[in-house]
Amino acid sequence: MSVQDIINAAADDADELLVGVSTMTEARPAIRDYLKARHPTLVPTDEARVIAGVLAILEEEGFFESSAGSAALDDAGPGGGSDDEP
């Protein structure tokens, strides 16, 4: 598997991989753990390239602007509360 293939796979898994993550700083260790688990033979230079590549894709897609709890607020209705509240 090429470095680009690993980048693409990790970016595709980001919604599950980065649940609750709202910043790139928080994402780095989560992506590193993902790589250690799925690609334990990846050399450090390639690991760094993958992390940078994944973060670049996620930033371009606006992942950090819309994740980590904002979806829960969006689903809560106007004002951030439940529609069932009086």
C-alpha atoms as a PDB file:
ATOM      1  CA  MET A   1       0.000   0.000   0.000  1.00  0.00           C
ATOM      2  CA  SER A   2       1.412   3.377  -0.962  1.00  0.00           C
ATOM      3  CA  VAL A   3       1.660   6.385   1.334  1.00  0.00           C
ATOM      4  CA  GLN A   4      -1.090   8.084  -0.686  1.00  0.00           C
ATOM      5  CA  ASP A   5      -3.337   5.022  -0.275  1.00  0.00           C
ATOM      6  CA  ILE A   6      -2.814   5.162   3.506  1.00  0.00           C
ATOM      7  CA  ILE A   7      -3.551   8.905   3.539  1.00  0.00           C
ATOM      8  CA  ASN A   8      -6.771   8.350   1.594  1.00  0.00           C
ATOM      9  CA  ALA A   9      -7.880   5.455   3.838  1.00  0.00           C
ATOM     10  CA  ALA A  10      -7.223   7.415   7.039  1.00  0.00           C
ATOM     11  CA  ALA A  11      -9.041  10.464   5.678  1.00  0.00           C
ATOM     12  CA  ASP A  12     -11.975   8.241   4.693  1.00  0.00           C
ATOM     13  CA  ASP A  13     -12.080   6.846   8.262  1.00  0.00           C
ATOM     14  CA  ALA A  14     -11.865  10.296   9.876  1.00  0.00           C
ATOM     15  CA  ASP A  15     -15.498  10.480  11.017  1.00  0.00           C
ATOM     16  CA  GLU A  16     -15.053   7.364  13.157  1.00  0.00           C
ATOM     17  CA  LEU A  17     -11.377   7.911  13.930  1.00  0.00           C
ATOM     18  CA  LEU A  18     -11.714  11.485  15.172  1.00  0.00           C
ATOM     19  CA  VAL A  19     -14.983  11.441  17.106  1.00  0.00           C
ATOM     20  CA  GLY A  20     -14.943  14.389  19.496  1.00  0.00           C
ATOM     21  CA  VAL A  21     -11.800  15.881  17.974  1.00  0.00           C
ATOM     22  CA  SER A  22     -12.098  19.542  17.081  1.00  0.00           C
ATOM     23  CA  THR A  23      -8.559  20.680  16.276  1.00  0.00           C
ATOM     24  CA  MET A  24      -5.581  19.535  14.272  1.00  0.00           C
ATOM     25  CA  THR A  25      -3.552  19.369  17.482  1.00  0.00           C
ATOM     26  CA  GLU A  26      -6.012  16.863  18.925  1.00  0.00           C
ATOM     27  CA  ALA A  27      -6.147  14.930  15.652  1.00  0.00           C
ATOM     28  CA  ARG A  28      -2.398  14.269  15.366  1.00  0.00           C
ATOM     29  CA  PRO A  29      -2.127  11.692  18.193  1.00  0.00           C
ATOM     30  CA  ALA A  30      -5.353   9.993  17.122  1.00  0.00           C
ATOM     31  CA  ILE A  31      -4.072   9.605  13.572  1.00  0.00           C
ATOM     32  CA  ARG A  32      -0.699   8.416  14.903  1.00  0.00           C
ATOM     33  CA  ASP A  33      -2.461   5.741  17.008  1.00  0.00           C
ATOM     34  CA  TYR A  34      -4.493   4.692  13.973  1.00  0.00           C
ATOM     35  CA  LEU A  35      -1.291   4.303  11.959  1.00  0.00           C
ATOM     36  CA  LYS A  36       0.467   2.332  14.705  1.00  0.00           C
ATOM     37  CA  ALA A  37      -2.472  -0.070  14.854  1.00  0.00           C
ATOM     38  CA  ARG A  38      -3.065  -0.483  11.118  1.00  0.00           C
ATOM     39  CA  HIS A  39       0.400   0.101   9.662  1.00  0.00           C
ATOM     40  CA  PRO A  40       2.945  -0.829  12.355  1.00  0.00           C
ATOM     41  CA  THR A  41       5.812  -1.127   9.864  1.00  0.00           C
ATOM     42  CA  LEU A  42       5.398   2.425   8.564  1.00  0.00           C
ATOM     43  CA  VAL A  43       8.695   4.287   8.954  1.00  0.00           C
ATOM     44  CA  PRO A  44       8.663   7.606  10.862  1.00  0.00           C
ATOM     45  CA  THR A  45       9.196   9.752   7.765  1.00  0.00           C
ATOM     46  CA  ASP A  46       6.240   8.127   6.006  1.00  0.00           C
ATOM     47  CA  GLU A  47       4.168   8.369   9.183  1.00  0.00           C
ATOM     48  CA  ALA A  48       4.796  12.118   9.258  1.00  0.00           C
ATOM     49  CA  ARG A  49       3.845  12.380   5.573  1.00  0.00           C
ATOM     50  CA  VAL A  50       0.614  10.484   6.197  1.00  0.00           C
ATOM     51  CA  ILE A  51      -0.349  12.616   9.190  1.00  0.00           C
ATOM     52  CA  ALA A  52       0.344  15.814   7.253  1.00  0.00           C
ATOM     53  CA  GLY A  53      -1.565  14.500   4.232  1.00  0.00           C
ATOM     54  CA  VAL A  54      -4.594  13.468   6.269  1.00  0.00           C
ATOM     55  CA  LEU A  55      -4.685  16.793   8.096  1.00  0.00           C
ATOM     56  CA  ALA A  56      -4.430  18.674   4.791  1.00  0.00           C
ATOM     57  CA  ILE A  57      -7.374  16.752   3.333  1.00  0.00           C
ATOM     58  CA  LEU A  58      -9.482  17.230   6.447  1.00  0.00           C
ATOM     59  CA  GLU A  59      -8.701  20.925   6.607  1.00  0.00           C
ATOM     60  CA  GLU A  60      -9.575  21.348   2.930  1.00  0.00           C
ATOM     61  CA  GLU A  61     -12.877  19.541   3.538  1.00  0.00           C
ATOM     62  CA  GLY A  62     -13.660  21.754   6.540  1.00  0.00           C
ATOM     63  CA  PHE A  63     -13.626  18.826   8.962  1.00  0.00           C
ATOM     64  CA  PHE A  64     -12.375  20.892  11.888  1.00  0.00           C
ATOM     65  CA  GLU A  65     -14.940  23.619  11.268  1.00  0.00           C
ATOM     66  CA  SER A  66     -17.890  21.247  11.508  1.00  0.00           C
ATOM     67  CA  SER A  67     -16.923  18.432  13.889  1.00  0.00           C
ATOM     68  CA  ALA A  68     -16.609  17.826  17.624  1.00  0.00           C
ATOM     69  CA  GLY A  69     -20.075  18.509  18.886  1.00  0.00           C
ATOM     70  CA  SER A  70     -21.358  20.996  16.351  1.00  0.00           C
ATOM     71  CA  ALA A  71     -23.491  18.291  14.745  1.00  0.00           C
ATOM     72  CA  ALA A  72     -25.216  17.724  18.086  1.00  0.00           C
ATOM     73  CA  LEU A  73     -26.048  21.422  18.261  1.00  0.00           C
ATOM     74  CA  ASP A  74     -27.321  21.384  14.697  1.00  0.00           C
ATOM     75  CA  ASP A  75     -29.644  18.471  15.516  1.00  0.00           C
ATOM     76  CA  ALA A  76     -30.939  20.151  18.675  1.00  0.00           C
ATOM     77  CA  GLY A  77     -32.988  22.716  16.794  1.00  0.00           C
ATOM     78  CA  PRO A  78     -32.978  26.491  17.094  1.00  0.00           C
ATOM     79  CA  GLY A  79     -31.232  27.820  20.161  1.00  0.00           C
ATOM     80  CA  GLY A  80     -29.332  24.578  20.713  1.00  0.00           C
ATOM     81  CA  GLY A  81     -32.072  23.030  22.858  1.00  0.00           C
ATOM     82  CA  SER A  82     -34.267  20.071  22.190  1.00  0.00           C
ATOM     83  CA  ASP A  83     -37.457  20.722  20.257  1.00  0.00           C
ATOM     84  CA  ASP A  84     -39.305  18.855  23.025  1.00  0.00           C
ATOM     85  CA  GLU A  85     -38.351  21.347  25.751  1.00  0.00           C
ATOM     86  CA  PRO A  86     -41.060  23.757  26.886  1.00  0.00           C
END
